[in-house]
């Protein structure tokens, strides 16, 4: 990594803590701009991430680390706000499938678009090999975090 300073694991973790704190503030602002709570935005992001795949309320509860009862309230707000639709599962009447409303996805992309463009510019300063290392680290750190949450919370 030519031109980049050496750093220790402690430096990296400290920098990550700073990024996470700033990102939490950013998520609050993005959610506020969309008229949502952060938890509602996180759940909607999971629905968007699924693309054409069907998402259930149980899926959202697990991913967002909330109870199924809390997900019901979240889905009520998202549906009222025009972010999602719910369809009953034809094979299990207790289950519903959640889909993103296309216009709502576009609203979210409009809020995040300028931020993601800046992140893309930052990524352009790194080599493909460096991006591969960063990607690997983010994927593995995300999996570690999910496991830790499942075990500890």
N, C-alpha and C. Protein backbone atom coordinates (compact mmCIF):
# COMPACT_ATOMS: atom_id res chain seq x y z
N UNK A 1 0.84 -1.17 0.00
CA UNK A 1 0.00 0.00 0.00
C UNK A 1 0.89 1.25 0.00
N UNK A 2 1.37 1.57 -1.14
CA UNK A 2 2.27 2.71 -1.28
C UNK A 2 1.58 4.01 -0.89
N UNK A 3 2.31 4.85 -0.17
CA UNK A 3 1.80 6.15 0.18
C UNK A 3 0.81 6.16 1.33
N UNK A 4 0.53 5.03 1.89
CA UNK A 4 -0.42 4.96 3.01
C UNK A 4 0.37 4.64 4.28
N UNK A 5 0.04 5.32 5.37
CA UNK A 5 0.81 5.11 6.61
C UNK A 5 0.59 3.72 7.19
N UNK A 6 1.61 3.24 7.89
CA UNK A 6 1.48 1.97 8.60
C UNK A 6 0.52 2.16 9.76
N UNK A 7 -0.18 1.11 10.11
CA UNK A 7 -1.13 1.19 11.21
C UNK A 7 -1.18 -0.13 11.94
N UNK A 8 -1.48 -0.06 13.22
CA UNK A 8 -1.61 -1.27 14.04
C UNK A 8 -3.07 -1.70 14.09
N UNK A 9 -3.31 -2.88 14.63
CA UNK A 9 -4.68 -3.34 14.82
C UNK A 9 -5.43 -2.37 15.72
N UNK A 10 -4.77 -1.86 16.73
CA UNK A 10 -5.40 -0.89 17.64
C UNK A 10 -5.80 0.38 16.89
N UNK A 11 -4.93 0.85 15.98
CA UNK A 11 -5.26 2.02 15.16
C UNK A 11 -6.49 1.74 14.29
N UNK A 12 -6.52 0.55 13.70
CA UNK A 12 -7.64 0.19 12.83
C UNK A 12 -8.94 0.11 13.62
N UNK A 13 -8.91 -0.50 14.79
CA UNK A 13 -10.12 -0.62 15.61
C UNK A 13 -10.59 0.75 16.07
N UNK A 14 -9.66 1.61 16.45
CA UNK A 14 -10.01 2.97 16.85
C UNK A 14 -10.64 3.74 15.69
N UNK A 15 -10.06 3.60 14.50
CA UNK A 15 -10.62 4.26 13.32
C UNK A 15 -12.01 3.70 13.00
N UNK A 16 -12.17 2.38 13.16
CA UNK A 16 -13.47 1.76 12.92
C UNK A 16 -14.51 2.30 13.91
N UNK A 17 -14.13 2.44 15.18
CA UNK A 17 -15.05 2.99 16.18
C UNK A 17 -15.51 4.39 15.78
N UNK A 18 -14.58 5.19 15.28
CA UNK A 18 -14.94 6.54 14.83
C UNK A 18 -15.88 6.50 13.64
N UNK A 19 -15.61 5.61 12.70
CA UNK A 19 -16.48 5.46 11.53
C UNK A 19 -17.88 5.01 11.95
N UNK A 20 -17.95 4.05 12.85
CA UNK A 20 -19.25 3.55 13.29
C UNK A 20 -20.03 4.67 13.98
N UNK A 21 -19.38 5.43 14.85
CA UNK A 21 -20.08 6.52 15.55
C UNK A 21 -20.60 7.54 14.56
N UNK A 22 -19.77 7.94 13.61
CA UNK A 22 -20.20 8.91 12.61
C UNK A 22 -21.30 8.32 11.72
N UNK A 23 -21.20 7.05 11.41
CA UNK A 23 -22.21 6.39 10.59
C UNK A 23 -23.55 6.31 11.31
N UNK A 24 -23.52 6.09 12.62
CA UNK A 24 -24.77 6.08 13.39
C UNK A 24 -25.47 7.43 13.32
N UNK A 25 -24.69 8.49 13.44
CA UNK A 25 -25.28 9.83 13.31
C UNK A 25 -25.82 10.01 11.90
N UNK A 26 -25.06 9.56 10.91
CA UNK A 26 -25.52 9.64 9.52
C UNK A 26 -26.80 8.86 9.29
N UNK A 27 -26.89 7.66 9.85
CA UNK A 27 -28.10 6.85 9.69
C UNK A 27 -29.31 7.58 10.31
N UNK A 28 -29.08 8.22 11.45
CA UNK A 28 -30.17 8.97 12.08
C UNK A 28 -30.65 10.10 11.17
N UNK A 29 -29.70 10.79 10.54
CA UNK A 29 -30.06 11.89 9.65
C UNK A 29 -30.74 11.38 8.38
N UNK A 30 -30.20 10.30 7.80
CA UNK A 30 -30.82 9.71 6.60
C UNK A 30 -32.26 9.28 6.92
N UNK A 31 -32.42 8.60 8.06
CA UNK A 31 -33.76 8.14 8.46
C UNK A 31 -34.69 9.33 8.65
N UNK A 32 -34.21 10.36 9.34
CA UNK A 32 -35.03 11.55 9.57
C UNK A 32 -35.46 12.17 8.25
N UNK A 33 -34.53 12.25 7.29
CA UNK A 33 -34.86 12.81 5.97
C UNK A 33 -35.93 12.01 5.24
N UNK A 34 -36.03 10.73 5.56
CA UNK A 34 -37.01 9.86 4.93
C UNK A 34 -38.28 9.71 5.77
N UNK A 35 -38.31 10.34 6.94
CA UNK A 35 -39.47 10.24 7.81
C UNK A 35 -39.57 8.90 8.53
N UNK A 36 -38.42 8.28 8.78
CA UNK A 36 -38.38 6.96 9.42
C UNK A 36 -37.53 7.00 10.68
N UNK A 37 -37.68 5.97 11.50
CA UNK A 37 -36.73 5.75 12.59
C UNK A 37 -35.56 4.96 12.01
N UNK A 38 -34.47 4.91 12.74
CA UNK A 38 -33.31 4.15 12.27
C UNK A 38 -33.66 2.67 12.13
N UNK A 39 -34.39 2.11 13.09
CA UNK A 39 -34.77 0.69 13.02
C UNK A 39 -35.66 0.44 11.80
N UNK A 40 -36.60 1.34 11.54
CA UNK A 40 -37.46 1.19 10.36
C UNK A 40 -36.62 1.23 9.09
N UNK A 41 -35.66 2.14 9.04
CA UNK A 41 -34.78 2.25 7.86
C UNK A 41 -33.95 0.99 7.69
N UNK A 42 -33.43 0.45 8.79
CA UNK A 42 -32.64 -0.78 8.72
C UNK A 42 -33.49 -1.91 8.15
N UNK A 43 -34.71 -2.04 8.63
CA UNK A 43 -35.59 -3.10 8.12
C UNK A 43 -35.91 -2.88 6.65
N UNK A 44 -36.16 -1.65 6.26
CA UNK A 44 -36.43 -1.38 4.85
C UNK A 44 -35.20 -1.70 4.01
N UNK A 45 -34.02 -1.38 4.52
CA UNK A 45 -32.79 -1.70 3.79
C UNK A 45 -32.66 -3.20 3.56
N UNK A 46 -33.05 -4.01 4.54
CA UNK A 46 -33.00 -5.46 4.38
C UNK A 46 -33.97 -5.91 3.28
N UNK A 47 -35.13 -5.27 3.24
CA UNK A 47 -36.10 -5.61 2.18
C UNK A 47 -35.51 -5.23 0.82
N UNK A 48 -34.91 -4.05 0.72
CA UNK A 48 -34.29 -3.62 -0.54
C UNK A 48 -33.15 -4.57 -0.94
N UNK A 49 -32.35 -4.93 0.04
CA UNK A 49 -31.20 -5.81 -0.21
C UNK A 49 -31.64 -7.16 -0.78
N UNK A 50 -32.81 -7.61 -0.37
CA UNK A 50 -33.31 -8.91 -0.84
C UNK A 50 -33.68 -8.86 -2.32
N UNK A 51 -33.85 -7.66 -2.87
CA UNK A 51 -34.21 -7.55 -4.28
C UNK A 51 -35.54 -8.21 -4.54
N UNK A 52 -35.57 -9.13 -5.50
CA UNK A 52 -36.80 -9.81 -5.85
C UNK A 52 -37.13 -10.97 -4.93
N UNK A 53 -36.21 -11.33 -4.04
CA UNK A 53 -36.47 -12.44 -3.11
C UNK A 53 -37.49 -12.01 -2.08
N UNK A 54 -38.32 -12.94 -1.69
CA UNK A 54 -39.34 -12.62 -0.69
C UNK A 54 -38.73 -12.60 0.70
N UNK A 55 -39.16 -11.63 1.49
CA UNK A 55 -38.71 -11.48 2.87
C UNK A 55 -39.92 -11.66 3.77
N UNK A 56 -39.75 -12.35 4.88
CA UNK A 56 -40.84 -12.52 5.83
C UNK A 56 -40.59 -11.64 7.06
N UNK A 57 -41.63 -11.47 7.84
CA UNK A 57 -41.50 -10.70 9.09
C UNK A 57 -40.46 -11.37 10.00
N UNK A 58 -40.46 -12.68 10.03
CA UNK A 58 -39.47 -13.41 10.83
C UNK A 58 -38.05 -13.14 10.37
N UNK A 59 -37.86 -13.07 9.04
CA UNK A 59 -36.53 -12.74 8.50
C UNK A 59 -36.08 -11.38 9.03
N UNK A 60 -36.99 -10.40 8.97
CA UNK A 60 -36.65 -9.04 9.41
C UNK A 60 -36.35 -9.02 10.91
N UNK A 61 -37.13 -9.73 11.69
CA UNK A 61 -36.90 -9.77 13.14
C UNK A 61 -35.50 -10.29 13.43
N UNK A 62 -35.11 -11.36 12.76
CA UNK A 62 -33.78 -11.92 12.97
C UNK A 62 -32.67 -10.99 12.52
N UNK A 63 -32.83 -10.41 11.35
CA UNK A 63 -31.78 -9.52 10.81
C UNK A 63 -31.64 -8.25 11.63
N UNK A 64 -32.76 -7.67 12.07
CA UNK A 64 -32.71 -6.40 12.80
C UNK A 64 -32.56 -6.58 14.31
N UNK A 65 -32.58 -7.85 14.74
CA UNK A 65 -32.41 -8.17 16.16
C UNK A 65 -33.52 -7.56 17.00
N UNK A 66 -34.76 -7.71 16.52
CA UNK A 66 -35.94 -7.24 17.26
C UNK A 66 -36.93 -8.40 17.35
N UNK A 67 -37.91 -8.26 18.20
CA UNK A 67 -38.92 -9.31 18.35
C UNK A 67 -39.88 -9.28 17.16
N UNK A 68 -40.59 -10.37 16.98
CA UNK A 68 -41.60 -10.40 15.91
C UNK A 68 -42.71 -9.40 16.19
N UNK A 69 -43.01 -9.16 17.46
CA UNK A 69 -44.00 -8.15 17.82
C UNK A 69 -43.54 -6.75 17.40
N UNK A 70 -42.27 -6.46 17.61
CA UNK A 70 -41.72 -5.16 17.20
C UNK A 70 -41.75 -5.03 15.68
N UNK A 71 -41.47 -6.13 14.98
CA UNK A 71 -41.49 -6.09 13.52
C UNK A 71 -42.89 -5.74 13.01
N UNK A 72 -43.91 -6.22 13.69
CA UNK A 72 -45.28 -5.89 13.27
C UNK A 72 -45.47 -4.37 13.27
N UNK A 73 -45.04 -3.70 14.32
CA UNK A 73 -45.13 -2.25 14.38
C UNK A 73 -44.30 -1.57 13.31
N UNK A 74 -43.10 -2.08 13.10
CA UNK A 74 -42.22 -1.53 12.06
C UNK A 74 -42.89 -1.66 10.69
N UNK A 75 -43.42 -2.85 10.41
CA UNK A 75 -44.07 -3.06 9.11
C UNK A 75 -45.32 -2.19 8.96
N UNK A 76 -46.06 -1.99 10.05
CA UNK A 76 -47.22 -1.10 9.99
C UNK A 76 -46.79 0.31 9.57
N UNK A 77 -45.71 0.80 10.18
CA UNK A 77 -45.22 2.15 9.84
C UNK A 77 -44.69 2.21 8.42
N UNK A 78 -43.92 1.19 8.01
CA UNK A 78 -43.37 1.17 6.66
C UNK A 78 -44.48 1.09 5.62
N UNK A 79 -45.50 0.31 5.91
CA UNK A 79 -46.62 0.19 4.97
C UNK A 79 -47.40 1.51 4.89
N UNK A 80 -47.69 2.11 6.04
CA UNK A 80 -48.39 3.40 6.07
C UNK A 80 -47.60 4.47 5.32
N UNK A 81 -46.27 4.42 5.43
CA UNK A 81 -45.40 5.40 4.78
C UNK A 81 -45.18 5.14 3.30
N UNK A 82 -45.73 4.04 2.79
CA UNK A 82 -45.58 3.72 1.38
C UNK A 82 -44.24 3.09 1.01
N UNK A 83 -43.58 2.48 1.99
CA UNK A 83 -42.27 1.86 1.74
C UNK A 83 -42.38 0.38 1.35
N UNK A 84 -43.35 -0.33 1.93
CA UNK A 84 -43.47 -1.76 1.68
C UNK A 84 -44.94 -2.15 1.45
N UNK A 85 -45.08 -3.32 0.88
CA UNK A 85 -46.39 -3.97 0.81
C UNK A 85 -46.24 -5.33 1.45
N UNK A 86 -47.35 -5.85 1.97
CA UNK A 86 -47.37 -7.18 2.58
C UNK A 86 -48.36 -8.04 1.81
N UNK A 87 -47.94 -9.27 1.58
CA UNK A 87 -48.81 -10.24 0.91
C UNK A 87 -48.83 -11.51 1.75
N UNK A 88 -50.03 -12.06 1.98
CA UNK A 88 -50.09 -13.31 2.75
C UNK A 88 -49.41 -14.45 1.98
N UNK A 89 -48.80 -15.34 2.72
CA UNK A 89 -48.19 -16.54 2.13
C UNK A 89 -49.33 -17.50 1.80
N UNK A 90 -49.44 -17.93 0.54
CA UNK A 90 -50.55 -18.81 0.17
C UNK A 90 -50.50 -20.19 0.83
N UNK A 91 -49.31 -20.58 1.31
CA UNK A 91 -49.19 -21.90 1.91
C UNK A 91 -49.20 -21.88 3.44
N UNK A 92 -49.05 -20.69 4.05
CA UNK A 92 -49.01 -20.58 5.51
C UNK A 92 -49.64 -19.25 5.89
N UNK A 93 -50.86 -19.30 6.36
CA UNK A 93 -51.61 -18.06 6.61
C UNK A 93 -51.03 -17.22 7.74
N UNK A 94 -50.13 -17.80 8.54
CA UNK A 94 -49.49 -17.03 9.61
C UNK A 94 -48.36 -16.16 9.09
N UNK A 95 -47.93 -16.42 7.89
CA UNK A 95 -46.77 -15.75 7.32
C UNK A 95 -47.17 -14.68 6.31
N UNK A 96 -46.38 -13.59 6.27
CA UNK A 96 -46.56 -12.59 5.22
C UNK A 96 -45.23 -12.37 4.53
N UNK A 97 -45.31 -12.02 3.27
CA UNK A 97 -44.12 -11.68 2.49
C UNK A 97 -44.11 -10.17 2.30
N UNK A 98 -42.94 -9.58 2.48
CA UNK A 98 -42.80 -8.14 2.40
C UNK A 98 -42.01 -7.79 1.14
N UNK A 99 -42.51 -6.80 0.42
CA UNK A 99 -41.84 -6.32 -0.79
C UNK A 99 -41.67 -4.82 -0.68
N UNK A 100 -40.58 -4.31 -1.26
CA UNK A 100 -40.35 -2.86 -1.29
C UNK A 100 -41.22 -2.23 -2.38
N UNK A 101 -41.72 -1.06 -2.09
CA UNK A 101 -42.41 -0.25 -3.10
C UNK A 101 -41.32 0.44 -3.91
N UNK A 102 -41.38 0.31 -5.22
CA UNK A 102 -40.32 0.81 -6.09
C UNK A 102 -40.02 2.29 -5.85
N UNK A 103 -41.05 3.12 -5.77
CA UNK A 103 -40.84 4.55 -5.57
C UNK A 103 -40.12 4.83 -4.25
N UNK A 104 -40.40 4.04 -3.23
CA UNK A 104 -39.73 4.21 -1.94
C UNK A 104 -38.25 3.85 -2.05
N UNK A 105 -37.95 2.80 -2.79
CA UNK A 105 -36.55 2.43 -3.02
C UNK A 105 -35.81 3.55 -3.73
N UNK A 106 -36.48 4.19 -4.66
CA UNK A 106 -35.86 5.31 -5.38
C UNK A 106 -35.62 6.49 -4.44
N UNK A 107 -36.55 6.73 -3.51
CA UNK A 107 -36.37 7.81 -2.52
C UNK A 107 -35.15 7.54 -1.65
N UNK A 108 -35.00 6.30 -1.23
CA UNK A 108 -33.86 5.94 -0.39
C UNK A 108 -32.56 6.08 -1.19
N UNK A 109 -32.56 5.61 -2.43
CA UNK A 109 -31.36 5.74 -3.25
C UNK A 109 -31.00 7.21 -3.49
N UNK A 110 -31.99 8.08 -3.58
CA UNK A 110 -31.72 9.51 -3.76
C UNK A 110 -31.04 10.10 -2.53
N UNK A 111 -31.41 9.62 -1.34
CA UNK A 111 -30.79 10.11 -0.10
C UNK A 111 -29.37 9.57 0.02
N UNK A 112 -29.19 8.30 -0.27
CA UNK A 112 -27.88 7.66 -0.11
C UNK A 112 -26.95 7.89 -1.30
N UNK A 113 -27.50 8.18 -2.47
CA UNK A 113 -26.70 8.28 -3.69
C UNK A 113 -25.48 9.18 -3.59
N UNK A 114 -25.63 10.42 -3.14
CA UNK A 114 -24.46 11.30 -3.05
C UNK A 114 -23.39 10.78 -2.09
N UNK A 115 -23.82 10.16 -1.01
CA UNK A 115 -22.87 9.58 -0.05
C UNK A 115 -22.12 8.42 -0.69
N UNK A 116 -22.86 7.53 -1.36
CA UNK A 116 -22.22 6.40 -2.01
C UNK A 116 -21.29 6.84 -3.14
N UNK A 117 -21.62 7.94 -3.80
CA UNK A 117 -20.73 8.46 -4.85
C UNK A 117 -19.40 8.90 -4.23
N UNK A 118 -19.47 9.52 -3.07
CA UNK A 118 -18.22 9.93 -2.40
C UNK A 118 -17.42 8.72 -1.94
N UNK A 119 -18.12 7.69 -1.45
CA UNK A 119 -17.42 6.47 -1.07
C UNK A 119 -16.75 5.82 -2.28
N UNK A 120 -17.42 5.85 -3.42
CA UNK A 120 -16.84 5.29 -4.65
C UNK A 120 -15.58 6.07 -5.04
N UNK A 121 -15.60 7.38 -4.89
CA UNK A 121 -14.41 8.19 -5.17
C UNK A 121 -13.26 7.80 -4.24
N UNK A 122 -13.57 7.58 -2.97
CA UNK A 122 -12.56 7.15 -2.02
C UNK A 122 -12.00 5.78 -2.42
N UNK A 123 -12.87 4.86 -2.80
CA UNK A 123 -12.43 3.52 -3.21
C UNK A 123 -11.52 3.59 -4.43
N UNK A 124 -11.75 4.56 -5.28
CA UNK A 124 -10.93 4.70 -6.49
C UNK A 124 -9.47 5.02 -6.16
N UNK A 125 -9.21 5.45 -4.94
CA UNK A 125 -7.83 5.75 -4.52
C UNK A 125 -7.07 4.49 -4.10
N UNK A 126 -7.74 3.35 -4.09
CA UNK A 126 -7.13 2.10 -3.67
C UNK A 126 -7.01 1.15 -4.85
N UNK A 127 -6.04 0.26 -4.77
CA UNK A 127 -5.85 -0.73 -5.83
C UNK A 127 -6.92 -1.81 -5.72
N UNK A 128 -7.15 -2.56 -6.79
CA UNK A 128 -8.10 -3.67 -6.69
C UNK A 128 -7.74 -4.65 -5.57
N UNK A 129 -6.45 -4.91 -5.37
CA UNK A 129 -6.05 -5.82 -4.30
C UNK A 129 -6.39 -5.24 -2.92
N UNK A 130 -6.20 -3.94 -2.75
CA UNK A 130 -6.55 -3.30 -1.48
C UNK A 130 -8.06 -3.34 -1.25
N UNK A 131 -8.82 -3.10 -2.30
CA UNK A 131 -10.29 -3.17 -2.20
C UNK A 131 -10.72 -4.59 -1.82
N UNK A 132 -10.03 -5.58 -2.38
CA UNK A 132 -10.35 -6.97 -2.05
C UNK A 132 -10.11 -7.24 -0.56
N UNK A 133 -9.03 -6.70 -0.02
CA UNK A 133 -8.73 -6.88 1.40
C UNK A 133 -9.79 -6.17 2.25
N UNK A 134 -10.12 -4.94 1.87
CA UNK A 134 -11.16 -4.21 2.61
C UNK A 134 -12.49 -4.96 2.58
N UNK A 135 -12.86 -5.45 1.41
CA UNK A 135 -14.12 -6.17 1.27
C UNK A 135 -14.12 -7.42 2.14
N UNK A 136 -13.04 -8.17 2.07
CA UNK A 136 -12.92 -9.37 2.90
C UNK A 136 -13.06 -9.02 4.38
N UNK A 137 -12.39 -7.95 4.80
CA UNK A 137 -12.45 -7.56 6.20
C UNK A 137 -13.86 -7.17 6.60
N UNK A 138 -14.54 -6.36 5.77
CA UNK A 138 -15.91 -5.95 6.09
C UNK A 138 -16.85 -7.16 6.17
N UNK A 139 -16.73 -8.08 5.24
CA UNK A 139 -17.59 -9.27 5.25
C UNK A 139 -17.34 -10.10 6.51
N UNK A 140 -16.08 -10.32 6.81
CA UNK A 140 -15.75 -11.14 7.97
C UNK A 140 -16.08 -10.43 9.28
N UNK A 141 -15.85 -9.12 9.36
CA UNK A 141 -16.20 -8.37 10.57
C UNK A 141 -17.72 -8.33 10.75
N UNK A 142 -18.46 -8.23 9.66
CA UNK A 142 -19.92 -8.26 9.74
C UNK A 142 -20.42 -9.60 10.27
N UNK A 143 -19.84 -10.70 9.77
CA UNK A 143 -20.22 -12.03 10.25
C UNK A 143 -19.85 -12.20 11.73
N UNK A 144 -18.68 -11.73 12.10
CA UNK A 144 -18.24 -11.81 13.50
C UNK A 144 -19.21 -11.02 14.38
N UNK A 145 -19.61 -9.84 13.94
CA UNK A 145 -20.52 -9.00 14.72
C UNK A 145 -21.88 -9.66 14.88
N UNK A 146 -22.41 -10.24 13.78
CA UNK A 146 -23.71 -10.94 13.88
C UNK A 146 -23.62 -12.11 14.85
N UNK A 147 -22.55 -12.87 14.79
CA UNK A 147 -22.36 -13.99 15.70
C UNK A 147 -22.27 -13.51 17.14
N UNK A 148 -21.50 -12.46 17.35
CA UNK A 148 -21.36 -11.92 18.70
C UNK A 148 -22.71 -11.45 19.24
N UNK A 149 -23.50 -10.76 18.42
CA UNK A 149 -24.82 -10.31 18.83
C UNK A 149 -25.72 -11.50 19.19
N UNK A 150 -25.68 -12.53 18.34
CA UNK A 150 -26.51 -13.72 18.60
C UNK A 150 -26.12 -14.40 19.91
N UNK A 151 -24.84 -14.41 20.21
CA UNK A 151 -24.35 -15.08 21.42
C UNK A 151 -24.50 -14.23 22.68
N UNK A 152 -24.47 -12.91 22.53
CA UNK A 152 -24.35 -12.05 23.69
C UNK A 152 -25.59 -11.21 24.01
N UNK A 153 -26.48 -11.07 23.06
CA UNK A 153 -27.62 -10.16 23.29
C UNK A 153 -28.94 -10.89 23.27
